[in-house]
Protein backbone atom coordinates (compact mmCIF):
# COMPACT_ATOMS: atom_id res chain seq x y z
CA MET A 1 -6.60 10.82 -7.10
CA LEU A 2 -4.67 9.25 -4.14
CA ALA A 3 -3.86 12.89 -2.58
CA GLY A 4 -7.72 13.30 -2.95
CA TRP A 5 -8.73 9.94 -1.17
CA LEU A 6 -6.42 10.42 1.86
CA ALA A 7 -7.93 13.93 2.08
CA GLU A 8 -11.31 12.73 2.65
CA PRO A 9 -12.26 12.64 6.79
CA HIS A 10 -12.94 9.22 6.83
CA ILE A 11 -9.61 7.91 5.32
CA ALA A 12 -7.36 10.33 6.73
CA GLU A 13 -8.12 9.08 10.63
CA TRP A 14 -6.43 5.58 9.44
CA TRP A 15 -3.49 6.84 7.56
CA ASP A 16 -0.28 9.77 8.29
CA ASP A 17 0.18 12.86 6.66
CA PRO A 18 -0.89 12.59 3.27
CA GLU A 19 2.26 13.76 1.69
CA VAL A 20 4.19 11.30 3.79
CA GLU A 21 2.10 8.59 2.40
CA LEU A 22 2.01 9.80 -1.24
CA ALA A 23 5.76 9.58 -0.98
CA ALA A 24 5.95 6.04 0.47
CA ILE A 25 3.45 5.13 -2.46
CA ARG A 26 5.84 6.60 -4.77
CA GLU A 27 8.76 4.74 -3.54
CA HIS A 28 6.64 1.32 -3.72
CA ILE A 29 6.13 1.80 -7.35
CA ASP A 30 9.74 1.31 -8.08
CA SER A 31 9.92 -1.26 -4.88
CA VAL A 32 10.90 -5.12 -5.55
CA SER A 33 9.28 -5.97 -2.56
CA VAL A 34 5.83 -3.81 -2.83
CA GLU A 35 3.01 -3.86 -5.94
CA PRO A 36 0.95 -0.83 -5.30
CA LEU A 37 -2.73 -1.07 -7.20
CA ILE A 38 -5.65 0.51 -7.85
CA ILE A 39 -8.81 -1.20 -7.03
CA GLU A 40 -11.62 -0.56 -9.93
CA LEU A 41 -15.15 -1.50 -9.85
CA ASP A 42 -17.02 -1.04 -13.57
CA ARG A 43 -13.60 0.75 -14.68
CA GLN A 44 -14.03 3.42 -12.11
CA PRO A 45 -11.23 3.48 -9.06
CA ILE A 46 -12.52 2.84 -5.94
CA GLY A 47 -9.63 1.99 -3.71
CA TYR A 48 -5.79 1.55 -3.11
CA MET A 49 -4.25 -1.72 -2.02
CA GLN A 50 -0.74 -3.15 -1.82
CA SER A 51 0.85 -6.49 -1.43
CA TYR A 52 4.13 -6.91 -0.18
CA ASP A 53 6.75 -9.86 0.08
CA PRO A 54 8.00 -9.85 3.88
CA HIS A 55 11.12 -11.97 3.17
CA LEU A 56 12.21 -9.20 1.12
CA GLU A 57 12.42 -6.32 3.89
CA ASP A 58 14.76 -6.38 6.57
CA GLY A 59 13.63 -7.04 9.94
CA HIS A 60 10.05 -7.30 8.45
CA PRO A 61 7.78 -9.27 11.55
CA TYR A 62 6.08 -11.46 9.24
CA ARG A 63 9.48 -12.85 7.72
CA ASP A 64 8.82 -15.98 9.85
CA GLN A 65 5.79 -16.85 7.45
CA PRO A 66 6.78 -19.47 4.85
CA PHE A 67 8.16 -18.50 1.69
CA GLY A 68 5.78 -17.34 -0.93
CA THR A 69 3.45 -15.52 1.63
CA LEU A 70 2.52 -12.23 0.67
CA GLY A 71 0.79 -9.30 3.03
CA ILE A 72 -1.83 -7.31 1.81
CA ASP A 73 -2.89 -3.51 2.89
CA ILE A 74 -6.16 -2.66 1.64
């Protein structure tokens, strides 16, 4: 499903190579710092998002934010 979305032209223009992106998403499934999520509307998947804790990633540019702050990529 994600591969299909990443291949759509209006989505592909904002992401890198789909195989590279899918590999990163696979890594996030087991990550402590990132939580991948599928967005649903009426039980139909409509999008992907992830939340992350910048304090759990060395050198993350948002580590200066207060503890408990989460980033969200949609």
